[in-house]
């Protein structure tokens, strides 16, 4: 059975090509010039086609031998994660010598619990200079306590940031993240609780960063109170109103990095959202995508790092049209 990653990677619409040749390639080129040779440049959920690896070959980031195999000097450049055996076979036939880990990324990071962490070789995967989580799945949020929420994907990112911080590279690392443009909750009661919690969290962040507040309202066209956020959340197994897809995508473009900043800035990371975009919808799967840089810093004050990071959220947002044209939002 093909995985959701295979489905996402096989969907090579022009908008996806623009993401790959745009923000992905930009991050790879930046990190290739600064990374330590002791860590891989890139870890990817490549899917059966490995189109991002093709791009790296075209751009000279990976060298091949005359027979088409990955050259010895490039063996530590990229690691692919692929749980589907047929897709792994296709990848290895196309890129002989490629390191392909036969697992799901959630398993390699040992789930979303902050108690269990990878060990041995698996730790090295998450020390890569560029980590690409190209997922064909929505953001799933649960309410925890009166004014807090929990999200498994965000906890996965927190674990990666923790591993990176244990032996930080001088230039830091980059996260490339792509999600289906939906925010899912379990049921109507959970939707009300999550909406109230998110409204409270955003109110706190608005107070911390006026730039974030202005950009959020300017981008979404709304003050994010609990009633408005209820319309953004989708109950699992129900249909969406296509008219709300764009609002949901734009809200996620602001909300996801905000949740990541809240959970990781206290580790000593200077965080910057270098680019974000949305594409699809109205017949095509609605998608949202980000490029986020993490740089180690010794500057004191978590609140200052959070405010600085929040000011970068939403600064470089694009709509990618069906034909791959980027339009600044």
Protein backbone atom coordinates (compact mmCIF):
# COMPACT_ATOMS: atom_id res chain seq x y z
CA UNK A 1 0.00 0.00 0.00
CA UNK A 2 1.38 3.46 -0.87
CA UNK A 3 1.91 5.73 2.13
CA UNK A 4 0.56 9.27 2.49
CA UNK A 5 4.11 10.47 1.83
CA UNK A 6 4.18 8.51 -1.44
CA UNK A 7 0.89 10.12 -2.43
CA UNK A 8 2.18 13.59 -1.60
CA UNK A 9 5.43 13.12 -3.47
CA UNK A 10 3.75 11.53 -6.48
CA UNK A 11 1.53 14.61 -6.76
CA UNK A 12 4.04 16.65 -8.76
CA UNK A 13 1.78 19.55 -9.66
CA UNK A 14 3.47 22.81 -10.75
CA UNK A 15 2.85 24.36 -7.33
CA UNK A 16 4.78 21.55 -5.68
CA UNK A 17 7.61 21.97 -8.17
CA UNK A 18 7.74 25.67 -7.23
CA UNK A 19 8.08 24.74 -3.54
CA UNK A 20 10.85 22.25 -4.29
CA UNK A 21 12.80 24.57 -6.59
CA UNK A 22 12.14 27.55 -4.34
CA UNK A 23 12.23 27.29 -0.56
CA UNK A 24 13.61 23.73 -0.43
CA UNK A 25 16.52 24.45 -2.74
CA UNK A 26 17.22 27.77 -1.01
CA UNK A 27 17.52 26.03 2.38
CA UNK A 28 19.72 23.26 0.98
CA UNK A 29 22.12 25.68 -0.69
CA UNK A 30 22.41 27.83 2.43
CA UNK A 31 23.08 24.89 4.73
CA UNK A 32 25.44 23.16 2.27
CA UNK A 33 27.81 26.12 2.60
CA UNK A 34 27.84 26.13 6.42
CA UNK A 35 27.19 22.63 7.73
CA UNK A 36 29.72 20.49 9.55
CA UNK A 37 30.90 17.53 7.49
CA UNK A 38 30.16 15.31 10.47
CA UNK A 39 26.39 15.51 9.99
CA UNK A 40 24.22 14.74 6.93
CA UNK A 41 23.09 17.72 4.89
CA UNK A 42 19.55 16.49 4.36
CA UNK A 43 17.00 14.03 5.67
CA UNK A 44 13.85 13.61 3.59
CA UNK A 45 10.62 11.66 3.33
CA UNK A 46 11.46 11.27 -0.33
CA UNK A 47 8.67 8.96 -1.49
CA UNK A 48 9.17 6.49 -4.31
CA UNK A 49 10.17 9.11 -6.91
CA UNK A 50 12.79 10.98 -4.88
CA UNK A 51 12.25 14.15 -6.88
CA UNK A 52 14.00 16.31 -4.30
CA UNK A 53 17.06 14.04 -4.59
CA UNK A 54 16.87 14.40 -8.38
CA UNK A 55 16.94 18.15 -7.87
CA UNK A 56 20.01 17.90 -5.63
CA UNK A 57 21.81 15.94 -8.35
CA UNK A 58 20.82 18.54 -10.96
CA UNK A 59 22.11 21.34 -8.71
CA UNK A 60 25.42 19.64 -7.95
CA UNK A 61 24.62 19.03 -4.27
CA UNK A 62 24.95 15.26 -4.85
CA UNK A 63 27.53 13.71 -7.15
CA UNK A 64 26.92 10.49 -9.09
CA UNK A 65 29.37 8.00 -10.55
CA UNK A 66 29.47 7.18 -14.26
CA UNK A 67 27.11 4.28 -13.57
CA UNK A 68 24.56 6.56 -11.88
CA UNK A 69 25.29 5.45 -8.33
CA UNK A 70 25.80 8.01 -5.57
CA UNK A 71 29.50 8.88 -5.39
CA UNK A 72 31.35 8.00 -2.20
CA UNK A 73 31.91 11.68 -1.29
CA UNK A 74 28.11 12.24 -1.38
CA UNK A 75 27.04 9.19 0.62
CA UNK A 76 26.59 11.24 3.81
CA UNK A 77 24.79 14.06 2.04
CA UNK A 78 21.23 12.71 2.14
CA UNK A 79 19.24 10.16 4.14
CA UNK A 80 15.81 9.04 2.95
CA UNK A 81 13.07 7.72 5.23
CA UNK A 82 10.64 5.32 3.55
CA UNK A 83 8.52 2.66 5.25
CA UNK A 84 7.00 1.23 2.07
CA UNK A 85 9.08 -1.64 0.65
CA UNK A 86 8.10 -1.04 -2.99
CA UNK A 87 8.98 2.64 -2.71
CA UNK A 88 12.31 1.76 -1.10
CA UNK A 89 13.11 -0.57 -3.98
CA UNK A 90 12.33 2.18 -6.50
CA UNK A 91 14.54 4.65 -4.65
CA UNK A 92 17.47 2.25 -4.43
CA UNK A 93 17.13 1.27 -8.08
CA UNK A 94 17.18 4.94 -9.04
CA UNK A 95 19.88 6.04 -6.57
CA UNK A 96 22.17 3.08 -5.89
CA UNK A 97 24.04 3.61 -2.63
CA UNK A 98 21.41 5.92 -1.12
CA UNK A 99 20.82 5.36 2.58
CA UNK A 100 17.12 4.56 2.96
CA UNK A 101 15.77 3.91 6.45
CA UNK A 102 12.84 1.42 6.40
CA UNK A 103 10.62 3.19 8.91
CA UNK A 104 8.16 6.01 9.49
CA UNK A 105 9.53 9.28 10.76
CA UNK A 106 7.25 9.07 13.83
CA UNK A 107 8.94 5.80 14.77
CA UNK A 108 12.45 7.12 14.16
CA UNK A 109 11.78 10.06 16.49
CA UNK A 110 10.16 7.61 18.99
CA UNK A 111 6.70 9.18 18.89
CA UNK A 112 5.56 12.43 20.45
CA UNK A 113 6.38 11.62 24.08
CA UNK A 114 9.10 13.81 25.58
CA UNK A 115 10.24 10.83 27.68
CA UNK A 116 11.41 8.51 24.87
CA UNK A 117 14.14 9.70 22.52
CA UNK A 118 16.04 8.06 19.66
CA UNK A 119 19.26 6.25 20.43
CA UNK A 120 22.33 5.19 18.47
CA UNK A 121 22.29 5.77 14.72
CA UNK A 122 18.76 7.17 14.81
CA UNK A 123 19.95 10.25 16.70
CA UNK A 124 22.27 11.15 13.82
CA UNK A 125 19.32 11.34 11.44
CA UNK A 126 17.83 14.21 13.45
CA UNK A 127 21.13 16.12 13.57
CA UNK A 128 20.97 16.75 9.82
CA UNK A 129 21.39 20.35 8.65
CA UNK A 130 18.07 20.36 6.76
CA UNK A 131 15.13 18.23 7.89
CA UNK A 132 12.24 17.95 5.45
CA UNK A 133 8.92 16.71 6.85
CA UNK A 134 6.84 16.70 3.67
CA UNK A 135 3.58 15.31 5.04
CA UNK A 136 0.20 14.76 3.49
CA UNK A 137 -1.60 15.02 6.82
CA UNK A 138 -3.48 17.76 8.68
CA UNK A 139 -2.63 19.35 12.00
CA UNK A 140 -4.44 17.44 14.76
CA UNK A 141 -4.92 19.36 18.02
CA UNK A 142 -6.31 18.33 21.40
CA UNK A 143 -7.21 20.48 24.36
CA UNK A 144 -5.09 20.03 27.50
CA UNK A 145 -6.00 21.96 30.62
CA UNK A 146 -7.99 25.16 30.55
CA UNK A 147 -5.75 27.26 28.32
CA UNK A 148 -3.39 24.88 26.55
CA UNK A 149 -3.41 22.53 23.58
CA UNK A 150 -1.40 19.47 22.57
CA UNK A 151 -0.29 18.47 19.07
CA UNK A 152 1.72 15.35 18.28
CA UNK A 153 3.47 16.92 15.28
CA UNK A 154 4.61 19.94 17.31
CA UNK A 155 5.99 17.56 19.96
CA UNK A 156 7.94 15.75 17.22
CA UNK A 157 9.50 19.07 16.19
CA UNK A 158 10.31 19.84 19.85
CA UNK A 159 12.19 16.54 20.08
CA UNK A 160 14.17 17.32 16.93
CA UNK A 161 15.05 20.76 18.29
CA UNK A 162 16.14 19.16 21.58
CA UNK A 163 18.43 16.69 19.78
CA UNK A 164 19.89 19.48 17.64
CA UNK A 165 20.54 21.61 20.72
CA UNK A 166 22.49 18.85 22.45
CA UNK A 167 25.31 19.20 19.88
CA UNK A 168 24.46 22.39 17.99
CA UNK A 169 26.05 23.15 14.65
CA UNK A 170 27.58 26.61 14.50
CA UNK A 171 25.22 27.73 11.77
CA UNK A 172 22.15 25.94 13.11
CA UNK A 173 19.65 23.91 11.09
CA UNK A 174 16.53 24.33 8.97
CA UNK A 175 13.11 22.70 9.13
CA UNK A 176 11.06 22.29 5.96
CA UNK A 177 7.49 21.40 6.86
CA UNK A 178 4.48 20.73 4.62
CA UNK A 179 0.99 19.82 5.83
CA UNK A 180 -2.48 19.31 4.48
CA UNK A 181 -4.28 22.60 5.08
CA UNK A 182 -6.70 21.47 7.77
CA UNK A 183 -6.90 21.67 11.56
CA UNK A 184 -8.65 18.59 12.96
CA UNK A 185 -10.31 18.01 16.32
CA UNK A 186 -12.07 14.95 17.71
CA UNK A 187 -15.66 16.20 18.13
CA UNK A 188 -17.86 19.27 18.66
CA UNK A 189 -17.07 19.50 22.37
CA UNK A 190 -13.33 19.28 21.68
CA UNK A 191 -13.65 21.92 18.97
CA UNK A 192 -15.14 24.39 21.44
CA UNK A 193 -12.41 23.71 24.02
CA UNK A 194 -9.58 23.89 21.49
CA UNK A 195 -10.94 27.13 20.02
CA UNK A 196 -11.10 28.78 23.44
CA UNK A 197 -7.57 27.62 24.29
CA UNK A 198 -6.17 28.83 20.96
CA UNK A 199 -7.89 32.20 21.37
CA UNK A 200 -6.25 32.61 24.78
CA UNK A 201 -2.82 31.57 23.46
CA UNK A 202 -3.05 33.99 20.54
CA UNK A 203 -4.13 36.80 22.86
CA UNK A 204 -0.96 36.25 24.90
CA UNK A 205 1.19 36.22 21.75
CA UNK A 206 -0.47 39.35 20.40
CA UNK A 207 0.56 41.11 23.60
CA UNK A 208 4.12 39.81 23.20
CA UNK A 209 4.50 40.91 19.57
CA UNK A 210 2.46 43.68 17.97
CA UNK A 211 4.06 42.77 14.62
CA UNK A 212 2.70 39.24 14.90
CA UNK A 213 -0.74 40.56 15.88
CA UNK A 214 -0.88 42.99 12.97
CA UNK A 215 0.28 40.39 10.45
CA UNK A 216 -2.16 37.73 11.74
CA UNK A 217 -5.14 40.06 11.49
CA UNK A 218 -3.96 41.50 8.17
CA UNK A 219 -3.43 38.07 6.63
CA UNK A 220 -6.60 36.35 7.87
CA UNK A 221 -8.83 39.40 7.93
CA UNK A 222 -10.19 38.51 11.36
CA UNK A 223 -9.68 38.93 15.07
CA UNK A 224 -9.14 35.31 16.20
CA UNK A 225 -11.69 34.98 18.99
CA UNK A 226 -13.06 31.58 20.05
CA UNK A 227 -16.15 31.78 17.81
CA UNK A 228 -14.08 32.56 14.72
CA UNK A 229 -11.58 29.80 15.50
CA UNK A 230 -14.40 27.26 15.81
CA UNK A 231 -15.05 27.86 12.13
CA UNK A 232 -11.41 27.10 11.33
CA UNK A 233 -11.35 23.77 13.21
CA UNK A 234 -12.75 20.71 11.44
CA UNK A 235 -14.28 17.72 13.20
CA UNK A 236 -12.75 14.46 12.00
CA UNK A 237 -14.83 12.64 9.39
CA UNK A 238 -16.87 15.70 8.36
CA UNK A 239 -16.78 17.71 5.15
CA UNK A 240 -15.33 21.21 4.90
CA UNK A 241 -16.93 24.21 3.28
CA UNK A 242 -14.50 24.97 0.39
CA UNK A 243 -15.15 28.67 0.94
CA UNK A 244 -13.24 28.46 4.22
CA UNK A 245 -10.18 26.66 2.78
CA UNK A 246 -8.16 29.82 2.16
CA UNK A 247 -8.92 31.19 5.63
CA UNK A 248 -7.91 27.87 7.15
CA UNK A 249 -4.65 27.76 5.18
CA UNK A 250 -3.73 31.33 6.11
CA UNK A 251 -4.54 30.70 9.77
CA UNK A 252 -2.36 27.59 9.79
CA UNK A 253 0.50 29.52 8.14
CA UNK A 254 0.52 31.79 11.22
CA UNK A 255 -0.51 29.28 13.89
CA UNK A 256 1.89 26.37 13.26
CA UNK A 257 5.17 28.34 13.50
CA UNK A 258 3.72 30.19 16.50
CA UNK A 259 3.20 26.85 18.29
CA UNK A 260 6.73 25.76 17.36
CA UNK A 261 8.21 29.03 18.65
CA UNK A 262 6.35 28.75 21.95
CA UNK A 263 7.83 25.30 22.57
CA UNK A 264 11.40 25.75 21.32
CA UNK A 265 12.57 29.35 21.85
CA UNK A 266 13.31 28.56 25.50
CA UNK A 267 15.96 26.04 24.40
CA UNK A 268 18.27 28.80 23.22
CA UNK A 269 17.22 28.96 19.57
CA UNK A 270 16.93 32.14 17.56
CA UNK A 271 14.08 31.17 15.24
CA UNK A 272 13.15 32.76 11.93
CA UNK A 273 10.41 31.78 9.49
CA UNK A 274 12.23 32.53 6.25
CA UNK A 275 9.32 31.69 3.94
CA UNK A 276 5.82 30.20 3.96
CA UNK A 277 3.25 29.48 1.27
CA UNK A 278 -0.09 27.90 0.57
CA UNK A 279 -1.38 26.24 -2.57
CA UNK A 280 -4.20 23.99 -3.78
CA UNK A 281 -7.81 23.99 -2.68
CA UNK A 282 -11.00 24.22 -4.75
CA UNK A 283 -10.55 20.70 -6.14
CA UNK A 284 -6.87 20.12 -5.35
CA UNK A 285 -5.66 19.18 -1.89
CA UNK A 286 -5.10 22.42 0.07
CA UNK A 287 -1.51 22.53 1.36
CA UNK A 288 0.58 24.77 3.61
CA UNK A 289 4.38 24.83 3.77
CA UNK A 290 7.18 26.58 5.71
CA UNK A 291 10.95 27.02 5.82
CA UNK A 292 12.11 27.74 9.38
CA UNK A 293 15.69 28.45 10.48
CA UNK A 294 17.00 27.63 13.97
CA UNK A 295 20.27 29.28 15.04
CA UNK A 296 21.90 28.67 18.43
CA UNK A 297 22.08 31.79 20.58
CA UNK A 298 23.33 32.63 24.05
CA UNK A 299 21.23 35.77 24.33
CA UNK A 300 19.36 35.93 27.59
CA UNK A 301 15.60 36.12 27.86
CA UNK A 302 13.15 33.62 26.43
CA UNK A 303 10.47 36.30 26.10
CA UNK A 304 12.75 38.37 23.87
CA UNK A 305 13.55 35.38 21.65
CA UNK A 306 9.84 34.56 21.35
CA UNK A 307 8.96 38.15 20.42
CA UNK A 308 11.75 38.25 17.82
CA UNK A 309 10.70 34.91 16.33
CA UNK A 310 7.01 35.87 16.24
CA UNK A 311 7.89 39.04 14.32
CA UNK A 312 9.20 36.80 11.49
CA UNK A 313 5.99 34.75 11.24
CA UNK A 314 3.98 35.80 8.20
CA UNK A 315 6.64 38.19 6.84
CA UNK A 316 7.22 36.26 3.61
CA UNK A 317 3.95 34.54 2.66
CA UNK A 318 3.03 33.48 -0.86
CA UNK A 319 0.08 31.98 -2.67
CA UNK A 320 1.36 29.54 -5.28
CA UNK A 321 -1.02 29.45 -8.22
CA UNK A 322 -2.03 26.30 -10.12
CA UNK A 323 0.64 27.01 -12.76
CA UNK A 324 3.38 27.41 -10.11
CA UNK A 325 3.42 31.22 -10.14
CA UNK A 326 4.18 32.73 -6.72
CA UNK A 327 2.10 35.70 -5.59
CA UNK A 328 3.05 37.60 -2.44
CA UNK A 329 0.21 37.75 0.10
